[in-house]
Amino acid sequence: MNLTDYRRLALALSAWLALPAFAADAPASSWVDPINAPAEALPLAPQSLLLDVVRSGEHYIAVGARGAILLSDDGRNWKQAAVPTRMTFTAVAALDAQVWAAGHEGIIAHSADGGEHWELQRQDPWKPATGSAMRDPTQGGPLLCVLFTDIHHGYAVGAYSVALKTDDGGATWTPMTVAKPKAASADDDGAKPAAKGKGEHSDTFSKEELTLGQEATPHLNAIAHTGSGALLIVGERGSAFRSRDAGATWQRQQLPYDGSMFGVIGFEGDHVLAFGLRGHVYESTDLGDHWKQVDTGTELSLMGGTALADGGSAIVGANGIVLVRNRAGEALKSYVDESAGIIASVLPFGDKGELLIAGENGITVFQPH
């Protein structure tokens, strides 16, 4: 099973877990839409599926399955916040006391007091198609990353190339056109394969038919902001998109590896680090004009990462893998947190090189040795 399968399985399982239980003989009217149902108090929430963690001022905030949002003053003791939805949150961003969490069914929630109180700013639930109309595949899809560059300007990206922007702190969110489907022609990857000749088997595929072309509307997995003010999005099949005008226009790029990238870290200038499927990590100092592969020594897929001082980074993923380099240019050192399971997110923690990690088995503090 590759990481795309792991991630989708985790999201599918957490979505299923987010559904409220009710007796088989209960009347249909007793069902409550989980989007607008308050999250349940979960005593074991710190040990449950958590998908992102962030620092808000002097506090920490973690988000995950069933609408769980957890708060901590010390990163070790956690309490659950009251949240007006029980949909799964996949990502969280914070600027001082202003916090935004995004997740399934296109939800975005906001807190103005460091996570103590929350309100829903956006939701886009699945709706069945009517008549002969085709259902919009973006409806009901998860948002996978949220980023704010200041308290007014923010971005959110997710499945089926959904990309959103706000200029008013999330009060309104407007779509951005990031991935542009291209028309098929005889000269591009979207061309139809030639018809099979007499005697050829119709149940076999030619080399040309098996070639992976660029996904027209790839899932957008992560977005980062660099020191130069640029934005970079990474997604499926090695796709990447950059903007130097605050998201007004986007330029498509392709990484040297055609597998999915699940995260990206922005550093000073145009320095970025992208990571993802089968342990692949690529680094660029010119916002993707040129990429250099970074040796990881692993084929475990990588799901979360954070910048450290001096251009360092910590990257985490499947089977408790933790990769760390203390400064730019150094080799990545590999560690394993055997109790963590799949790790989704990581933050620097304290002044002793510890890391705060969140994932399949909740949130813990890890000390690389």
Protein backbone atom coordinates (compact mmCIF):
# COMPACT_ATOMS: atom_id res chain seq x y z
CA MET A 1 0.00 0.00 0.00
CA ASN A 2 1.51 3.37 -1.00
CA LEU A 3 1.06 6.63 0.88
CA THR A 4 -1.71 7.83 -1.41
CA ASP A 5 -3.61 4.74 -0.26
CA TYR A 6 -2.62 5.37 3.38
CA ARG A 7 -3.71 8.99 3.26
CA ARG A 8 -6.99 8.28 1.55
CA LEU A 9 -7.63 5.39 3.92
CA ALA A 10 -6.92 7.60 6.91
CA LEU A 11 -9.19 10.31 5.60
CA ALA A 12 -11.91 7.81 4.72
CA LEU A 13 -11.70 6.14 8.12
CA SER A 14 -11.76 9.44 9.95
CA ALA A 15 -14.74 10.58 7.89
CA TRP A 16 -16.55 7.36 8.80
CA LEU A 17 -15.65 7.78 12.45
CA ALA A 18 -17.00 11.32 12.34
CA LEU A 19 -20.52 10.08 11.62
CA PRO A 20 -22.71 10.05 14.73
CA ALA A 21 -23.91 6.66 15.91
CA PHE A 22 -27.61 6.00 16.31
CA ALA A 23 -29.74 2.96 16.97
CA ALA A 24 -30.90 0.90 14.01
CA ASP A 25 -34.53 1.39 15.00
CA ALA A 26 -34.22 5.13 15.62
CA PRO A 27 -36.43 7.33 13.45
CA ALA A 28 -34.74 8.99 10.47
CA SER A 29 -35.47 12.42 11.96
CA SER A 30 -33.02 11.70 14.82
CA TRP A 31 -30.04 11.83 12.47
CA VAL A 32 -27.95 14.99 12.86
CA ASP A 33 -25.77 16.33 10.07
CA PRO A 34 -22.22 16.13 11.48
CA ILE A 35 -21.22 19.35 9.74
CA ASN A 36 -23.35 21.42 12.08
CA ALA A 37 -23.34 19.10 15.07
CA PRO A 38 -21.03 20.06 17.96
CA ALA A 39 -17.97 17.87 18.36
CA GLU A 40 -18.36 15.25 21.08
CA ALA A 41 -16.11 15.30 24.14
CA LEU A 42 -13.57 12.52 23.64
CA PRO A 43 -11.54 11.57 26.72
CA LEU A 44 -8.92 9.82 24.58
CA ALA A 45 -8.68 12.55 21.94
CA PRO A 46 -4.92 13.16 22.60
CA GLN A 47 -4.33 9.48 21.66
CA SER A 48 -6.64 9.50 18.61
CA LEU A 49 -6.03 10.37 14.95
CA LEU A 50 -4.56 13.90 14.79
CA LEU A 51 -3.54 15.33 11.43
CA ASP A 52 -1.89 18.69 12.17
CA VAL A 53 -0.40 20.72 15.00
CA VAL A 54 0.58 24.39 15.18
CA ARG A 55 1.89 26.93 17.67
CA SER A 56 -0.37 29.86 18.51
CA GLY A 57 1.48 32.44 20.56
CA GLU A 58 2.73 30.54 23.61
CA HIS A 59 0.20 27.74 23.15
CA TYR A 60 -0.19 24.65 20.93
CA ILE A 61 -3.22 23.55 18.92
CA ALA A 62 -3.76 20.12 17.35
CA VAL A 63 -6.64 19.07 15.06
CA GLY A 64 -7.95 15.75 13.83
CA ALA A 65 -10.79 13.25 13.56
CA ARG A 66 -14.41 13.84 14.60
CA GLY A 67 -13.96 17.58 14.92
CA ALA A 68 -11.33 17.27 17.64
CA ILE A 69 -9.38 20.44 18.40
CA LEU A 70 -6.96 20.17 21.32
CA LEU A 71 -5.22 22.96 23.24
CA SER A 72 -2.08 22.86 25.36
CA ASP A 73 0.10 25.34 27.25
CA ASP A 74 3.07 22.97 27.51
CA GLY A 75 2.70 20.51 24.60
CA ARG A 76 2.25 17.61 27.03
CA ASN A 77 -1.11 18.18 28.70
CA TRP A 78 -4.07 18.72 26.40
CA LYS A 79 -7.71 19.76 26.70
CA GLN A 80 -10.42 19.58 24.08
CA ALA A 81 -12.05 22.77 22.81
CA ALA A 82 -15.78 23.13 22.13
CA VAL A 83 -16.18 23.10 18.34
CA PRO A 84 -19.42 23.58 16.35
CA THR A 85 -18.75 20.66 13.95
CA ARG A 86 -17.70 17.03 14.17
CA MET A 87 -16.20 16.87 10.69
CA THR A 88 -12.55 15.82 10.52
CA PHE A 89 -9.99 18.61 10.47
CA THR A 90 -6.91 17.95 8.32
CA ALA A 91 -4.95 21.21 8.73
CA VAL A 92 -4.52 24.21 11.02
CA ALA A 93 -2.77 27.59 10.73
CA ALA A 94 -2.18 30.29 13.34
CA LEU A 95 -0.95 33.86 13.61
CA ASP A 96 -0.74 34.74 17.29
CA ALA A 97 -4.29 34.34 18.67
CA GLN A 98 -5.93 34.07 15.22
CA VAL A 99 -6.37 30.41 14.23
CA TRP A 100 -7.97 28.67 11.23
CA ALA A 101 -8.69 24.95 10.86
CA ALA A 102 -9.74 23.28 7.58
CA GLY A 103 -11.00 19.84 6.71
CA HIS A 104 -13.64 17.55 5.25
CA GLU A 105 -16.70 18.83 3.40
CA GLY A 106 -14.75 22.00 2.61
CA ILE A 107 -15.06 23.32 6.16
CA ILE A 108 -12.99 26.17 7.55
CA ALA A 109 -13.36 27.16 11.20
CA HIS A 110 -11.90 30.24 12.89
CA SER A 111 -10.91 31.19 16.41
CA ALA A 112 -9.95 34.71 17.47
CA ASP A 113 -8.75 33.75 20.96
CA GLY A 114 -6.10 31.09 20.47
CA GLY A 115 -8.51 28.20 19.98
CA GLU A 116 -10.79 28.64 22.99
CA HIS A 117 -13.90 29.47 20.93
CA TRP A 118 -14.69 28.58 17.30
CA GLU A 119 -17.08 29.55 14.52
CA LEU A 120 -17.55 28.05 11.06
CA GLN A 121 -16.54 30.39 8.25
CA ARG A 122 -17.12 28.03 5.32
CA GLN A 123 -18.62 24.67 4.35
CA ASP A 124 -19.24 23.02 0.98
CA PRO A 125 -20.95 19.66 1.62
CA TRP A 126 -21.64 17.01 -0.97
CA LYS A 127 -24.86 17.54 -2.91
CA PRO A 128 -26.44 14.97 -5.25
CA ALA A 129 -26.76 15.93 -8.90
CA THR A 130 -30.20 16.89 -10.14
CA GLY A 131 -31.63 15.99 -13.52
CA SER A 132 -29.00 15.48 -16.22
CA ALA A 133 -26.43 17.72 -14.52
CA MET A 134 -23.07 16.24 -13.59
CA ARG A 135 -22.22 16.33 -9.90
CA ASP A 136 -19.46 18.76 -9.00
CA PRO A 137 -16.61 16.49 -7.77
CA THR A 138 -15.18 19.26 -5.58
CA GLN A 139 -18.27 19.35 -3.36
CA GLY A 140 -17.70 17.39 -0.20
CA GLY A 141 -14.00 17.03 -0.90
CA PRO A 142 -11.51 17.70 1.89
CA LEU A 143 -9.36 20.77 2.20
CA LEU A 144 -5.83 19.49 2.93
CA CYS A 145 -3.83 22.58 3.83
CA VAL A 146 -4.47 26.11 5.08
CA LEU A 147 -1.97 28.99 5.14
CA PHE A 148 -2.16 32.61 6.30
CA THR A 149 0.53 35.15 5.43
CA ASP A 150 -1.02 37.78 7.72
CA ILE A 151 -4.29 38.06 9.65
CA HIS A 152 -6.16 39.17 6.53
CA HIS A 153 -4.68 37.13 3.67
CA GLY A 154 -5.01 33.36 3.58
CA TYR A 155 -5.15 30.35 1.27
CA ALA A 156 -6.61 26.84 1.41
CA VAL A 157 -6.07 23.95 -1.03
CA GLY A 158 -7.47 20.47 -1.35
CA ALA A 159 -8.86 17.65 -3.45
CA TYR A 160 -9.67 18.05 -7.16
CA SER A 161 -7.54 21.20 -7.45
CA VAL A 162 -9.73 23.22 -5.10
CA ALA A 163 -7.88 26.42 -4.20
CA LEU A 164 -9.35 29.26 -2.15
CA LYS A 165 -8.23 32.73 -1.13
CA THR A 166 -9.39 35.24 1.47
CA ASP A 167 -8.50 38.91 1.93
CA ASP A 168 -10.64 39.49 5.01
CA GLY A 169 -9.42 36.97 7.52
CA GLY A 170 -11.68 34.21 6.24
CA ALA A 171 -15.00 36.02 6.41
CA THR A 172 -15.28 35.29 2.67
CA TRP A 173 -13.40 32.72 0.58
CA THR A 174 -13.14 32.95 -3.21
CA PRO A 175 -11.88 30.28 -5.66
CA MET A 176 -8.51 30.61 -7.37
CA THR A 177 -7.75 29.00 -10.75
CA VAL A 178 -4.52 27.13 -10.14
CA ALA A 179 -4.66 24.03 -12.36
CA LYS A 180 -6.02 24.65 -15.85
CA PRO A 181 -7.24 21.58 -17.76
CA LYS A 182 -5.77 21.50 -21.25
CA ALA A 183 -7.52 20.24 -24.35
CA ALA A 184 -6.25 16.97 -25.79
CA SER A 185 -4.34 17.12 -29.05
CA ALA A 186 -2.27 14.77 -31.16
CA ASP A 187 0.92 16.24 -29.67
CA ASP A 188 0.27 16.01 -25.95
CA ASP A 189 -0.24 13.44 -23.24
CA GLY A 190 -3.99 13.86 -23.46
CA ALA A 191 -4.15 12.46 -27.02
CA LYS A 192 -6.31 9.44 -27.63
CA PRO A 193 -4.38 6.21 -28.23
CA ALA A 194 -4.40 4.90 -31.78
CA ALA A 195 -7.03 2.33 -32.60
CA LYS A 196 -5.82 -1.27 -32.36
CA GLY A 197 -5.22 -3.02 -35.62
CA LYS A 198 -6.57 -6.35 -36.79
CA GLY A 199 -5.43 -9.21 -34.62
CA GLU A 200 -4.44 -7.01 -31.63
CA HIS A 201 -5.98 -7.86 -28.28
CA SER A 202 -8.34 -5.19 -26.94
CA ASP A 203 -7.68 -6.21 -23.34
CA THR A 204 -4.00 -5.29 -23.37
CA PHE A 205 -2.41 -1.84 -23.14
CA SER A 206 0.34 -0.39 -25.24
CA LYS A 207 3.37 1.37 -23.74
CA GLU A 208 1.87 4.69 -24.80
CA GLU A 209 -1.42 3.89 -23.06
CA LEU A 210 0.40 3.04 -19.83
CA THR A 211 2.36 6.30 -19.79
CA LEU A 212 1.20 8.66 -17.05
CA GLY A 213 0.45 12.12 -18.31
CA GLN A 214 -0.04 15.25 -16.25
CA GLU A 215 -3.20 15.12 -14.16
CA ALA A 216 -5.45 17.94 -15.38
CA THR A 217 -6.90 18.71 -11.96
CA PRO A 218 -4.59 17.07 -9.41
CA HIS A 219 -5.30 17.01 -5.72
CA LEU A 220 -3.46 19.95 -4.16
CA ASN A 221 -1.85 18.62 -0.99
CA ALA A 222 0.08 21.53 0.49
CA ILE A 223 0.95 25.21 0.09
CA ALA A 224 3.96 27.13 1.42
CA HIS A 225 5.05 30.77 1.63
CA THR A 226 8.70 31.71 1.04
CA GLY A 227 10.82 34.56 2.34
CA SER A 228 10.56 36.29 -1.04
CA GLY A 229 6.77 36.43 -0.67
CA ALA A 230 6.13 33.72 -3.28
CA LEU A 231 3.69 30.82 -2.92
CA LEU A 232 4.27 27.20 -3.94
CA ILE A 233 1.67 24.42 -4.08
CA VAL A 234 2.52 20.73 -4.48
CA GLY A 235 0.19 17.90 -5.42
CA GLU A 236 -0.40 14.66 -7.29
CA ARG A 237 1.94 13.16 -9.90
CA GLY A 238 4.77 15.57 -9.18
CA SER A 239 2.68 18.62 -10.02
CA ALA A 240 3.63 21.99 -8.57
CA PHE A 241 2.28 25.52 -9.00
CA ARG A 242 3.95 28.81 -8.09
CA SER A 243 2.74 32.37 -7.74
CA ARG A 244 4.68 35.60 -7.27
CA ASP A 245 1.62 37.86 -7.13
CA ALA A 246 -0.18 36.63 -4.01
CA GLY A 247 -2.16 34.01 -5.89
CA ALA A 248 -3.52 36.20 -8.70
CA THR A 249 -1.79 34.04 -11.32
CA TRP A 250 -0.15 30.61 -11.17
CA GLN A 251 2.50 28.87 -13.24
CA ARG A 252 2.48 25.09 -13.50
CA GLN A 253 5.68 23.11 -12.95
CA GLN A 254 6.63 19.44 -12.85
CA LEU A 255 9.03 17.89 -10.37
CA PRO A 256 11.59 15.34 -11.63
CA TYR A 257 9.60 12.60 -9.85
CA ASP A 258 6.10 11.84 -11.12
CA GLY A 259 4.80 10.64 -7.75
CA SER A 260 2.70 12.72 -5.41
CA MET A 261 4.21 15.30 -3.09
CA PHE A 262 2.37 15.59 0.23
CA GLY A 263 4.14 18.58 1.77
CA VAL A 264 6.33 21.59 1.10
CA ILE A 265 8.39 23.85 3.37
CA GLY A 266 9.26 27.46 2.52
CA PHE A 267 12.52 29.05 3.70
CA GLU A 268 14.34 32.33 3.03
CA GLY A 269 14.37 33.78 -0.49
CA ASP A 270 13.05 31.26 -3.02
CA HIS A 271 14.28 28.21 -1.08
CA VAL A 272 11.73 25.35 -0.85
CA LEU A 273 11.77 21.69 0.14
CA ALA A 274 9.09 19.30 -1.19
CA PHE A 275 8.52 15.75 0.07
CA GLY A 276 6.14 12.87 -0.48
CA LEU A 277 5.62 9.42 -1.92
CA ARG A 278 8.19 6.63 -1.35
CA GLY A 279 10.60 8.82 0.60
CA HIS A 280 11.23 11.33 -2.16
CA VAL A 281 12.51 14.79 -1.16
CA TYR A 282 13.43 17.56 -3.61
CA GLU A 283 15.00 20.94 -2.89
CA SER A 284 15.07 24.15 -4.92
CA THR A 285 16.63 27.56 -4.28
CA ASP A 286 14.86 29.24 -7.22
CA LEU A 287 11.22 28.36 -6.55
CA GLY A 288 11.25 25.29 -8.74
CA ASP A 289 13.21 26.35 -11.80
CA HIS A 290 15.72 23.69 -10.79
CA TRP A 291 15.29 20.77 -8.40
CA LYS A 292 17.90 18.66 -6.61
CA GLN A 293 16.98 15.34 -5.05
CA VAL A 294 17.82 14.99 -1.36
CA ASP A 295 18.86 11.51 -0.21
CA THR A 296 16.58 10.17 2.53
CA GLY A 297 17.71 6.55 2.74
CA THR A 298 14.09 5.39 2.94
CA GLU A 299 11.17 4.43 0.74
CA LEU A 300 8.67 5.22 3.47
CA SER A 301 6.32 7.96 2.34
CA LEU A 302 6.61 11.38 3.98
CA MET A 303 3.54 13.34 5.07
CA GLY A 304 4.51 16.32 7.23
CA GLY A 305 7.40 18.71 7.73
CA THR A 306 8.55 21.89 9.41
CA ALA A 307 11.37 24.39 9.08
CA LEU A 308 14.07 24.54 11.75
CA ALA A 309 16.62 27.28 12.42
CA ASP A 310 19.46 27.88 9.90
CA GLY A 311 17.56 26.26 7.03
CA GLY A 312 17.16 22.98 8.89
CA SER A 313 14.09 20.80 8.63
CA ALA A 314 12.23 17.91 10.21
CA ILE A 315 10.14 15.59 7.99
CA VAL A 316 7.86 12.79 9.20
CA GLY A 317 5.78 10.02 7.71
CA ALA A 318 4.83 6.35 7.60
CA ASN A 319 5.94 3.80 10.21
CA GLY A 320 7.09 6.51 12.62
CA ILE A 321 9.87 7.79 10.33
CA VAL A 322 11.49 11.08 11.43
CA LEU A 323 14.12 12.78 9.24
CA VAL A 324 16.09 15.72 10.66
CA ARG A 325 18.83 18.06 9.48
CA ASN A 326 19.97 20.86 11.75
CA ARG A 327 20.89 23.32 9.00
CA ALA A 328 20.67 23.78 5.24
CA GLY A 329 23.04 21.62 3.21
CA GLU A 330 23.44 18.89 5.83
CA ALA A 331 22.40 15.30 5.20
CA LEU A 332 19.11 14.12 6.65
CA LYS A 333 19.47 11.85 9.68
CA SER A 334 16.87 9.14 10.12
CA TYR A 335 15.07 8.22 13.34
CA VAL A 336 12.00 6.16 14.21
CA ASP A 337 9.32 6.81 16.80
CA GLU A 338 8.11 3.23 17.11
CA SER A 339 4.96 4.13 19.02
CA ALA A 340 3.73 6.85 16.65
CA GLY A 341 2.39 4.85 13.70
CA ILE A 342 1.87 7.10 10.67
CA ILE A 343 3.00 10.63 11.56
CA ALA A 344 1.14 13.48 9.86
CA SER A 345 2.66 16.65 11.33
CA VAL A 346 5.69 17.91 13.28
CA LEU A 347 6.81 21.07 15.11
CA PRO A 348 10.06 22.11 16.80
CA PHE A 349 9.55 21.91 20.55
CA GLY A 350 11.55 23.43 23.40
CA ASP A 351 15.26 24.24 23.38
CA LYS A 352 16.69 20.69 23.50
CA GLY A 353 16.00 19.64 19.92
CA GLU A 354 12.75 17.86 20.78
CA LEU A 355 9.89 17.55 18.29
CA LEU A 356 6.13 17.69 18.82
CA ILE A 357 4.55 15.09 16.53
CA ALA A 358 0.92 14.33 15.66
CA GLY A 359 -0.46 11.38 13.77
CA GLU A 360 -2.23 8.05 13.83
CA ASN A 361 -1.71 7.47 17.55
CA GLY A 362 -2.20 11.02 18.78
CA ILE A 363 0.32 13.63 19.88
CA THR A 364 3.62 13.09 21.66
CA VAL A 365 7.03 14.66 22.25
CA PHE A 366 9.93 12.93 20.47
CA GLN A 367 13.65 13.40 21.13
CA PRO A 368 15.91 12.48 18.19
CA HIS A 369 19.07 10.79 19.50
